[in-house]
Amino acid sequence: MDAPAVSVAWLALLATRLEVELGWPDLFVLGASVWLAYAADRFIEGWRLASEHVRTPRHRFYQRWRGPVAVVWLAVLITDLGVAAAKLTRTEWMVGWTLTAAVATYLLSHQFLHRTSRWRVPKEICVAGLLTGGAAVFLVGSTSLSVLVPSLTLFAALCFVNCVLISSWECDVDRSHQQSSLALDGGQTWWIHWAPWLLAAVGIVAAASDPLRTIAACTAASALLLAVIDHVQPRIGWPPARVLADLVLLTPIVPLALLL
């Protein structure tokens, strides 16, 4: 549930700071859609892998509870489509289907057609782009692009840094699962550990701009926390580090709580 929670928190923050009015259907559709995409990815991975090759609790869960997960997935899908059809605008509905096609293409490419291809678009870039696209569905056309674009860029960069750090910690997992990543295929990986520090610096500088202040501050705070987790990861191990890496992306909860 970490990815849906992060997506909903950031959409709520972006909408609040960019003065875009959202209702519960928008937040529900985004959260449910992100969960559906992540659950499908884990389901396929668990289905394809032999039990002895599974290295993570999340994949083992989807492998062990394949039937119940499929039932819940279908129920969430039907509910998600029902709420979207009844509550979203025509533009949101059409753009949402475009994004759905992009998610399906990613799953088809990364899980089947190009699973071991070194030339495919890195999964870290794909995931960051799809998460950002999910938030953009509800924001594009409702606010100035001069503020929306840098805001979404900061969010995309934060998602990318989160993903690439996790990939660097889980190299052995990706090898066992026959999965490619920037950490495995990129050769030099020193830049991965500098990425959160660089993003934090960018966020601090961007916070000087009034329209971006809260969004940039949350980006900088999350990036700094990611840098700390990366530093202690060799001592605490990758499983707790991975959980913490997702939790620290929930910094928008603080300013949102102050606005209540």
C-alpha atoms as a PDB file:
ATOM      1  CA  MET A   1       0.000   0.000   0.000  1.00  0.00           C
ATOM      2  CA  ASP A   2       3.024   2.317   0.101  1.00  0.00           C
ATOM      3  CA  ALA A   3       2.916   3.368  -3.556  1.00  0.00           C
ATOM      4  CA  PRO A   4      -0.815   4.279  -3.519  1.00  0.00           C
ATOM      5  CA  ALA A   5      -0.340   6.198  -0.260  1.00  0.00           C
ATOM      6  CA  VAL A   6       2.597   8.168  -1.681  1.00  0.00           C
ATOM      7  CA  SER A   7       0.720   8.944  -4.905  1.00  0.00           C
ATOM      8  CA  VAL A   8      -2.399  10.147  -3.094  1.00  0.00           C
ATOM      9  CA  ALA A   9      -0.401  12.248  -0.607  1.00  0.00           C
ATOM     10  CA  TRP A  10       1.532  13.997  -3.349  1.00  0.00           C
ATOM     11  CA  LEU A  11      -1.559  14.563  -5.496  1.00  0.00           C
ATOM     12  CA  ALA A  12      -3.306  16.128  -2.505  1.00  0.00           C
ATOM     13  CA  LEU A  13      -0.315  18.383  -1.827  1.00  0.00           C
ATOM     14  CA  LEU A  14       0.099  19.380  -5.479  1.00  0.00           C
ATOM     15  CA  ALA A  15      -3.591  20.137  -5.842  1.00  0.00           C
ATOM     16  CA  THR A  16      -3.638  22.187  -2.623  1.00  0.00           C
ATOM     17  CA  ARG A  17      -0.579  24.280  -3.486  1.00  0.00           C
ATOM     18  CA  LEU A  18      -1.580  24.706  -7.141  1.00  0.00           C
ATOM     19  CA  GLU A  19      -5.149  25.613  -6.124  1.00  0.00           C
ATOM     20  CA  VAL A  20      -6.761  22.758  -8.052  1.00  0.00           C
ATOM     21  CA  GLU A  21     -10.033  21.538  -6.578  1.00  0.00           C
ATOM     22  CA  LEU A  22     -10.163  17.763  -6.137  1.00  0.00           C
ATOM     23  CA  GLY A  23     -12.782  15.483  -4.649  1.00  0.00           C
ATOM     24  CA  TRP A  24     -12.590  12.062  -3.050  1.00  0.00           C
ATOM     25  CA  PRO A  25     -13.252  10.304  -6.398  1.00  0.00           C
ATOM     26  CA  ASP A  26     -10.020  11.720  -7.846  1.00  0.00           C
ATOM     27  CA  LEU A  27      -7.943  10.536  -4.896  1.00  0.00           C
ATOM     28  CA  PHE A  28      -9.674   7.159  -4.823  1.00  0.00           C
ATOM     29  CA  VAL A  29      -9.209   6.520  -8.537  1.00  0.00           C
ATOM     30  CA  LEU A  30      -5.529   7.411  -8.387  1.00  0.00           C
ATOM     31  CA  GLY A  31      -4.860   5.291  -5.285  1.00  0.00           C
ATOM     32  CA  ALA A  32      -6.818   2.315  -6.609  1.00  0.00           C
ATOM     33  CA  SER A  33      -5.215   2.546 -10.057  1.00  0.00           C
ATOM     34  CA  VAL A  34      -1.697   2.654  -8.621  1.00  0.00           C
ATOM     35  CA  TRP A  35      -2.469  -0.365  -6.441  1.00  0.00           C
ATOM     36  CA  LEU A  36      -3.887  -2.254  -9.424  1.00  0.00           C
ATOM     37  CA  ALA A  37      -0.728  -1.601 -11.448  1.00  0.00           C
ATOM     38  CA  TYR A  38       1.638  -2.580  -8.619  1.00  0.00           C
ATOM     39  CA  ALA A  39      -0.409  -5.656  -7.686  1.00  0.00           C
ATOM     40  CA  ALA A  40      -0.457  -6.790 -11.328  1.00  0.00           C
ATOM     41  CA  ASP A  41       3.307  -6.393 -11.534  1.00  0.00           C
ATOM     42  CA  ARG A  42       3.872  -8.398  -8.333  1.00  0.00           C
ATOM     43  CA  PHE A  43       1.279 -11.009  -9.374  1.00  0.00           C
ATOM     44  CA  ILE A  44       2.970 -11.607 -12.725  1.00  0.00           C
ATOM     45  CA  GLU A  45       6.397 -11.723 -11.099  1.00  0.00           C
ATOM     46  CA  GLY A  46       5.234 -14.240  -8.505  1.00  0.00           C
ATOM     47  CA  TRP A  47       3.557 -16.347 -11.187  1.00  0.00           C
ATOM     48  CA  ARG A  48       6.636 -16.419 -13.404  1.00  0.00           C
ATOM     49  CA  LEU A  49       9.211 -17.195 -10.711  1.00  0.00           C
ATOM     50  CA  ALA A  50       9.948 -20.603  -9.235  1.00  0.00           C
ATOM     51  CA  SER A  51       9.477 -20.702  -5.454  1.00  0.00           C
ATOM     52  CA  GLU A  52      13.180 -21.225  -4.819  1.00  0.00           C
ATOM     53  CA  HIS A  53      14.041 -18.038  -6.717  1.00  0.00           C
ATOM     54  CA  VAL A  54      11.707 -15.743  -4.782  1.00  0.00           C
ATOM     55  CA  ARG A  55      13.776 -13.462  -2.558  1.00  0.00           C
ATOM     56  CA  THR A  56      11.334 -10.938  -1.112  1.00  0.00           C
ATOM     57  CA  PRO A  57       8.287 -11.145   1.196  1.00  0.00           C
ATOM     58  CA  ARG A  58       6.207  -9.059  -1.243  1.00  0.00           C
ATOM     59  CA  HIS A  59       6.746 -11.500  -4.111  1.00  0.00           C
ATOM     60  CA  ARG A  60       6.263 -14.487  -1.812  1.00  0.00           C
ATOM     61  CA  PHE A  61       2.947 -13.023  -0.622  1.00  0.00           C
ATOM     62  CA  TYR A  62       1.594 -12.658  -4.152  1.00  0.00           C
ATOM     63  CA  GLN A  63       2.818 -16.144  -5.025  1.00  0.00           C
ATOM     64  CA  ARG A  64       1.250 -17.760  -1.949  1.00  0.00           C
ATOM     65  CA  TRP A  65      -2.072 -15.881  -2.076  1.00  0.00           C
ATOM     66  CA  ARG A  66      -2.478 -15.795  -5.850  1.00  0.00           C
ATOM     67  CA  GLY A  67      -6.172 -16.777  -5.886  1.00  0.00           C
ATOM     68  CA  PRO A  68      -7.443 -14.354  -3.211  1.00  0.00           C
ATOM     69  CA  VAL A  69      -5.317 -11.562  -4.681  1.00  0.00           C
ATOM     70  CA  ALA A  70      -6.890 -12.138  -8.104  1.00  0.00           C
ATOM     71  CA  VAL A  71     -10.406 -11.890  -6.595  1.00  0.00           C
ATOM     72  CA  VAL A  72      -9.566  -8.694  -4.688  1.00  0.00           C
ATOM     73  CA  TRP A  73      -7.848  -7.251  -7.779  1.00  0.00           C
ATOM     74  CA  LEU A  74     -10.954  -7.775  -9.916  1.00  0.00           C
ATOM     75  CA  ALA A  75     -13.180  -6.245  -7.222  1.00  0.00           C
ATOM     76  CA  VAL A  76     -10.948  -3.163  -6.961  1.00  0.00           C
ATOM     77  CA  LEU A  77     -10.815  -2.882 -10.764  1.00  0.00           C
ATOM     78  CA  ILE A  78     -14.615  -2.942 -11.090  1.00  0.00           C
ATOM     79  CA  THR A  79     -15.002  -0.378  -8.299  1.00  0.00           C
ATOM     80  CA  ASP A  80     -12.277   1.817  -9.763  1.00  0.00           C
ATOM     81  CA  LEU A  81     -13.870   1.800 -13.218  1.00  0.00           C
ATOM     82  CA  GLY A  82     -17.304   2.465 -11.732  1.00  0.00           C
ATOM     83  CA  VAL A  83     -16.144   5.496  -9.740  1.00  0.00           C
ATOM     84  CA  ALA A  84     -14.122   6.805 -12.698  1.00  0.00           C
ATOM     85  CA  ALA A  85     -17.041   6.483 -15.117  1.00  0.00           C
ATOM     86  CA  ALA A  86     -19.467   8.151 -12.713  1.00  0.00           C
ATOM     87  CA  LYS A  87     -17.324  10.904 -11.207  1.00  0.00           C
ATOM     88  CA  LEU A  88     -14.429  11.858 -13.483  1.00  0.00           C
ATOM     89  CA  THR A  89     -14.644  14.407 -16.257  1.00  0.00           C
ATOM     90  CA  ARG A  90     -14.524  13.282 -19.870  1.00  0.00           C
ATOM     91  CA  THR A  91     -10.980  14.643 -20.218  1.00  0.00           C
ATOM     92  CA  GLU A  92      -9.775  12.828 -17.084  1.00  0.00           C
ATOM     93  CA  TRP A  93     -11.466   9.644 -18.315  1.00  0.00           C
ATOM     94  CA  MET A  94      -9.775   9.768 -21.737  1.00  0.00           C
ATOM     95  CA  VAL A  95      -6.341  10.738 -20.387  1.00  0.00           C
ATOM     96  CA  GLY A  96      -6.694   8.017 -17.774  1.00  0.00           C
ATOM     97  CA  TRP A  97      -7.189   5.389 -20.459  1.00  0.00           C
ATOM     98  CA  THR A  98      -4.086   6.663 -22.246  1.00  0.00           C
ATOM     99  CA  LEU A  99      -2.105   6.229 -19.054  1.00  0.00           C
ATOM    100  CA  THR A 100      -3.644   2.764 -18.578  1.00  0.00           C
ATOM    101  CA  ALA A 101      -2.331   1.811 -22.018  1.00  0.00           C
ATOM    102  CA  ALA A 102       1.130   3.026 -20.968  1.00  0.00           C
ATOM    103  CA  VAL A 103       0.995   0.896 -17.799  1.00  0.00           C
ATOM    104  CA  ALA A 104      -0.094  -2.160 -19.813  1.00  0.00           C
ATOM    105  CA  THR A 105       2.760  -1.561 -22.256  1.00  0.00           C
ATOM    106  CA  TYR A 106       5.237  -1.340 -19.378  1.00  0.00           C
ATOM    107  CA  LEU A 107       4.006  -4.605 -17.851  1.00  0.00           C
ATOM    108  CA  LEU A 108       4.063  -6.392 -21.202  1.00  0.00           C
ATOM    109  CA  SER A 109       7.541  -5.124 -22.023  1.00  0.00           C
ATOM    110  CA  HIS A 110       9.236  -5.511 -18.642  1.00  0.00           C
ATOM    111  CA  GLN A 111       7.619  -8.769 -17.586  1.00  0.00           C
ATOM    112  CA  PHE A 112       7.548 -10.613 -20.909  1.00  0.00           C
ATOM    113  CA  LEU A 113       8.908  -9.206 -24.177  1.00  0.00           C
ATOM    114  CA  HIS A 114      12.034  -7.365 -23.001  1.00  0.00           C
ATOM    115  CA  ARG A 115      12.528  -8.750 -19.516  1.00  0.00           C
ATOM    116  CA  THR A 116      16.267  -9.344 -19.857  1.00  0.00           C
ATOM    117  CA  SER A 117      17.050  -6.826 -22.605  1.00  0.00           C
ATOM    118  CA  ARG A 118      19.721  -4.349 -21.613  1.00  0.00           C
ATOM    119  CA  TRP A 119      18.491  -1.739 -24.088  1.00  0.00           C
ATOM    120  CA  ARG A 120      14.961  -1.418 -22.714  1.00  0.00           C
ATOM    121  CA  VAL A 121      13.901   1.767 -20.933  1.00  0.00           C
ATOM    122  CA  PRO A 122      15.068   1.339 -17.312  1.00  0.00           C
ATOM    123  CA  LYS A 123      12.296   0.328 -14.931  1.00  0.00           C
ATOM    124  CA  GLU A 124      13.217   3.189 -12.581  1.00  0.00           C
ATOM    125  CA  ILE A 125      12.439   5.758 -15.286  1.00  0.00           C
ATOM    126  CA  CYS A 126       9.230   3.976 -16.284  1.00  0.00           C
ATOM    127  CA  VAL A 127       7.901   3.769 -12.726  1.00  0.00           C
ATOM    128  CA  ALA A 128       8.732   7.420 -11.982  1.00  0.00           C
ATOM    129  CA  GLY A 129       7.091   8.507 -15.220  1.00  0.00           C
ATOM    130  CA  LEU A 130       3.929   6.465 -14.658  1.00  0.00           C
ATOM    131  CA  LEU A 131       3.495   7.674 -11.062  1.00  0.00           C
ATOM    132  CA  THR A 132       3.942  11.267 -12.180  1.00  0.00           C
ATOM    133  CA  GLY A 133       1.547  10.735 -15.068  1.00  0.00           C
ATOM    134  CA  GLY A 134      -1.070   9.455 -12.641  1.00  0.00           C
ATOM    135  CA  ALA A 135      -0.944  12.693 -10.678  1.00  0.00           C
ATOM    136  CA  ALA A 136      -0.844  14.792 -13.854  1.00  0.00           C
ATOM    137  CA  VAL A 137      -4.168  13.337 -15.055  1.00  0.00           C
ATOM    138  CA  PHE A 138      -5.998  15.355 -12.387  1.00  0.00           C
ATOM    139  CA  LEU A 139      -3.925  18.530 -12.653  1.00  0.00           C
ATOM    140  CA  VAL A 140      -3.282  19.263 -16.333  1.00  0.00           C
ATOM    141  CA  GLY A 141      -5.564  21.964 -17.663  1.00  0.00           C
ATOM    142  CA  SER A 142      -6.489  23.245 -14.216  1.00  0.00           C
ATOM    143  CA  THR A 143      -3.423  25.337 -13.424  1.00  0.00           C
ATOM    144  CA  SER A 144      -0.561  27.207 -15.060  1.00  0.00           C
ATOM    145  CA  LEU A 145       1.992  24.997 -16.804  1.00  0.00           C
ATOM    146  CA  SER A 146       4.763  27.306 -15.609  1.00  0.00           C
ATOM    147  CA  VAL A 147       4.128  26.070 -12.063  1.00  0.00           C
ATOM    148  CA  LEU A 148       2.748  22.600 -12.830  1.00  0.00           C
ATOM    149  CA  VAL A 149       5.732  21.410 -14.892  1.00  0.00           C
ATOM    150  CA  PRO A 150       8.437  22.141 -12.275  1.00  0.00           C
ATOM    151  CA  SER A 151       6.182  20.729  -9.535  1.00  0.00           C
ATOM    152  CA  LEU A 152       5.673  17.463 -11.411  1.00  0.00           C
ATOM    153  CA  THR A 153       9.364  17.388 -12.318  1.00  0.00           C
ATOM    154  CA  LEU A 154      10.331  17.500  -8.637  1.00  0.00           C
ATOM    155  CA  PHE A 155       7.908  14.668  -7.871  1.00  0.00           C
ATOM    156  CA  ALA A 156       9.187  12.602 -10.806  1.00  0.00           C
ATOM    157  CA  ALA A 157      12.795  13.137  -9.720  1.00  0.00           C
ATOM    158  CA  LEU A 158      11.960  12.054  -6.170  1.00  0.00           C
ATOM    159  CA  CYS A 159      10.249   8.875  -7.412  1.00  0.00           C
ATOM    160  CA  PHE A 160      13.237   8.136  -9.657  1.00  0.00           C
ATOM    161  CA  VAL A 161      15.756   8.579  -6.828  1.00  0.00           C
ATOM    162  CA  ASN A 162      13.652   6.336  -4.585  1.00  0.00           C
ATOM    163  CA  CYS A 163      13.507   3.606  -7.241  1.00  0.00           C
ATOM    164  CA  VAL A 164      17.165   3.754  -8.227  1.00  0.00           C
ATOM    165  CA  LEU A 165      18.336   3.590  -4.607  1.00  0.00           C
ATOM    166  CA  ILE A 166      16.135   0.567  -3.926  1.00  0.00           C
ATOM    167  CA  SER A 167      17.489  -1.108  -7.078  1.00  0.00           C
ATOM    168  CA  SER A 168      21.038  -0.516  -5.869  1.00  0.00           C
ATOM    169  CA  TRP A 169      20.206  -2.191  -2.550  1.00  0.00           C
ATOM    170  CA  GLU A 170      18.392  -5.097  -4.197  1.00  0.00           C
ATOM    171  CA  CYS A 171      20.915  -6.067  -6.863  1.00  0.00           C
ATOM    172  CA  ASP A 172      21.012  -9.669  -5.628  1.00  0.00           C
ATOM    173  CA  VAL A 173      17.215  -9.813  -5.714  1.00  0.00           C
ATOM    174  CA  ASP A 174      17.088  -8.540  -9.292  1.00  0.00           C
ATOM    175  CA  ARG A 175      19.717 -11.066 -10.357  1.00  0.00           C
ATOM    176  CA  SER A 176      17.760 -13.904  -8.794  1.00  0.00           C
ATOM    177  CA  HIS A 177      14.523 -12.652 -10.383  1.00  0.00           C
ATOM    178  CA  GLN A 178      16.255 -12.149 -13.738  1.00  0.00           C
ATOM    179  CA  GLN A 179      15.331  -8.471 -13.672  1.00  0.00           C
ATOM    180  CA  SER A 180      17.447  -5.658 -15.101  1.00  0.00           C
ATOM    181  CA  SER A 181      18.031  -2.288 -13.419  1.00  0.00           C
ATOM    182  CA  LEU A 182      20.242   0.764 -13.706  1.00  0.00           C
ATOM    183  CA  ALA A 183      22.293  -0.511 -10.777  1.00  0.00           C
ATOM    184  CA  LEU A 184      22.998  -3.773 -12.626  1.00  0.00           C
ATOM    185  CA  ASP A 185      23.291  -2.526 -16.198  1.00  0.00           C
ATOM    186  CA  GLY A 186      24.601   0.994 -15.794  1.00  0.00           C
ATOM    187  CA  GLY A 187      28.273   0.181 -15.176  1.00  0.00           C
ATOM    188  CA  GLN A 188      29.301   3.069 -12.917  1.00  0.00           C
ATOM    189  CA  THR A 189      26.845   3.329 -10.027  1.00  0.00           C
ATOM    190  CA  TRP A 190      28.548   5.921  -7.798  1.00  0.00           C
ATOM    191  CA  TRP A 191      26.117   8.571  -9.014  1.00  0.00           C
ATOM    192  CA  ILE A 192      23.174   6.690  -7.493  1.00  0.00           C
ATOM    193  CA  HIS A 193      24.369   7.445  -3.966  1.00  0.00           C
ATOM    194  CA  TRP A 194      24.886  11.118  -4.805  1.00  0.00           C
ATOM    195  CA  ALA A 195      21.468  11.479  -6.446  1.00  0.00           C
ATOM    196  CA  PRO A 196      19.458  12.136  -3.233  1.00  0.00           C
ATOM    197  CA  TRP A 197      21.952  14.798  -2.117  1.00  0.00           C
ATOM    198  CA  LEU A 198      21.710  16.524  -5.502  1.00  0.00           C
ATOM    199  CA  LEU A 199      17.909  16.415  -5.453  1.00  0.00           C
ATOM    200  CA  ALA A 200      17.881  17.802  -1.915  1.00  0.00           C
ATOM    201  CA  ALA A 201      20.023  20.737  -3.063  1.00  0.00           C
ATOM    202  CA  VAL A 202      17.702  21.368  -6.019  1.00  0.00           C
ATOM    203  CA  GLY A 203      14.698  21.254  -3.698  1.00  0.00           C
ATOM    204  CA  ILE A 204      16.245  23.743  -1.294  1.00  0.00           C
ATOM    205  CA  VAL A 205      17.001  26.162  -4.132  1.00  0.00           C
ATOM    206  CA  ALA A 206      13.525  25.716  -5.651  1.00  0.00           C
ATOM    207  CA  ALA A 207      11.928  26.416  -2.264  1.00  0.00           C
ATOM    208  CA  ALA A 208      12.972  30.033  -2.686  1.00  0.00           C
ATOM    209  CA  SER A 209      10.201  30.367  -5.275  1.00  0.00           C
ATOM    210  CA  ASP A 210       6.888  31.094  -3.586  1.00  0.00           C
ATOM    211  CA  PRO A 211       4.620  28.887  -5.775  1.00  0.00           C
ATOM    212  CA  LEU A 212       6.961  25.920  -5.295  1.00  0.00           C
ATOM    213  CA  ARG A 213       7.958  26.506  -1.671  1.00  0.00           C
ATOM    214  CA  THR A 214       6.009  23.721   0.065  1.00  0.00           C
ATOM    215  CA  ILE A 215       6.375  21.220  -2.786  1.00  0.00           C
ATOM    216  CA  ALA A 216      10.118  21.841  -3.051  1.00  0.00           C
ATOM    217  CA  ALA A 217      10.557  21.696   0.731  1.00  0.00           C
ATOM    218  CA  CYS A 218       8.839  18.293   0.879  1.00  0.00           C
ATOM    219  CA  THR A 219      11.021  17.108  -2.001  1.00  0.00           C
ATOM    220  CA  ALA A 220      14.187  18.277  -0.241  1.00  0.00           C
ATOM    221  CA  ALA A 221      13.148  16.706   3.073  1.00  0.00           C
ATOM    222  CA  SER A 222      12.355  13.349   1.457  1.00  0.00           C
ATOM    223  CA  ALA A 223      15.591  13.417  -0.530  1.00  0.00           C
ATOM    224  CA  LEU A 224      17.672  14.137   2.568  1.00  0.00           C
ATOM    225  CA  LEU A 225      15.978  11.288   4.424  1.00  0.00           C
ATOM    226  CA  LEU A 226      16.661   8.974   1.464  1.00  0.00           C
ATOM    227  CA  ALA A 227      20.335   9.978   1.630  1.00  0.00           C
ATOM    228  CA  VAL A 228      20.434   9.093   5.335  1.00  0.00           C
ATOM    229  CA  ILE A 229      18.763   5.730   4.709  1.00  0.00           C
ATOM    230  CA  ASP A 230      21.227   4.992   1.914  1.00  0.00           C
ATOM    231  CA  HIS A 231      24.079   5.745   4.309  1.00  0.00           C
ATOM    232  CA  VAL A 232      22.825   3.355   7.005  1.00  0.00           C
ATOM    233  CA  GLN A 233      21.509   0.671   4.639  1.00  0.00           C
ATOM    234  CA  PRO A 234      24.670  -1.497   4.819  1.00  0.00           C
ATOM    235  CA  ARG A 235      24.141  -1.746   8.589  1.00  0.00           C
ATOM    236  CA  ILE A 236      20.367  -2.248   8.743  1.00  0.00           C
ATOM    237  CA  GLY A 237      19.990  -4.346   5.578  1.00  0.00           C
ATOM    238  CA  TRP A 238      17.919  -3.781   2.455  1.00  0.00           C
ATOM    239  CA  PRO A 239      14.478  -5.017   3.707  1.00  0.00           C
ATOM    240  CA  PRO A 240      14.016  -2.325   6.402  1.00  0.00           C
ATOM    241  CA  ALA A 241      15.785   0.239   4.215  1.00  0.00           C
ATOM    242  CA  ARG A 242      13.292  -0.403   1.444  1.00  0.00           C
ATOM    243  CA  VAL A 243      10.341   0.128   3.768  1.00  0.00           C
ATOM    244  CA  LEU A 244      11.845   3.331   5.142  1.00  0.00           C
ATOM    245  CA  ALA A 245      12.630   4.594   1.634  1.00  0.00           C
ATOM    246  CA  ASP A 246       8.926   4.530   0.798  1.00  0.00           C
ATOM    247  CA  LEU A 247       7.800   5.928   4.138  1.00  0.00           C
ATOM    248  CA  VAL A 248       9.984   9.036   3.817  1.00  0.00           C
ATOM    249  CA  LEU A 249       8.167   9.960   0.608  1.00  0.00           C
ATOM    250  CA  LEU A 250       5.112  10.750   2.723  1.00  0.00           C
ATOM    251  CA  THR A 251       6.435  14.170   3.786  1.00  0.00           C
ATOM    252  CA  PRO A 252       3.374  15.905   2.204  1.00  0.00           C
ATOM    253  CA  ILE A 253       1.346  14.608   5.148  1.00  0.00           C
ATOM    254  CA  VAL A 254       2.949  17.258   7.381  1.00  0.00           C
ATOM    255  CA  PRO A 255       1.858  20.392   5.470  1.00  0.00           C
ATOM    256  CA  LEU A 256      -1.497  18.784   4.643  1.00  0.00           C
ATOM    257  CA  ALA A 257      -2.121  18.114   8.341  1.00  0.00           C
ATOM    258  CA  LEU A 258      -1.253  21.737   9.181  1.00  0.00           C
ATOM    259  CA  LEU A 259      -3.855  22.920   6.674  1.00  0.00           C
ATOM    260  CA  LEU A 260      -6.663  20.910   8.265  1.00  0.00           C
END
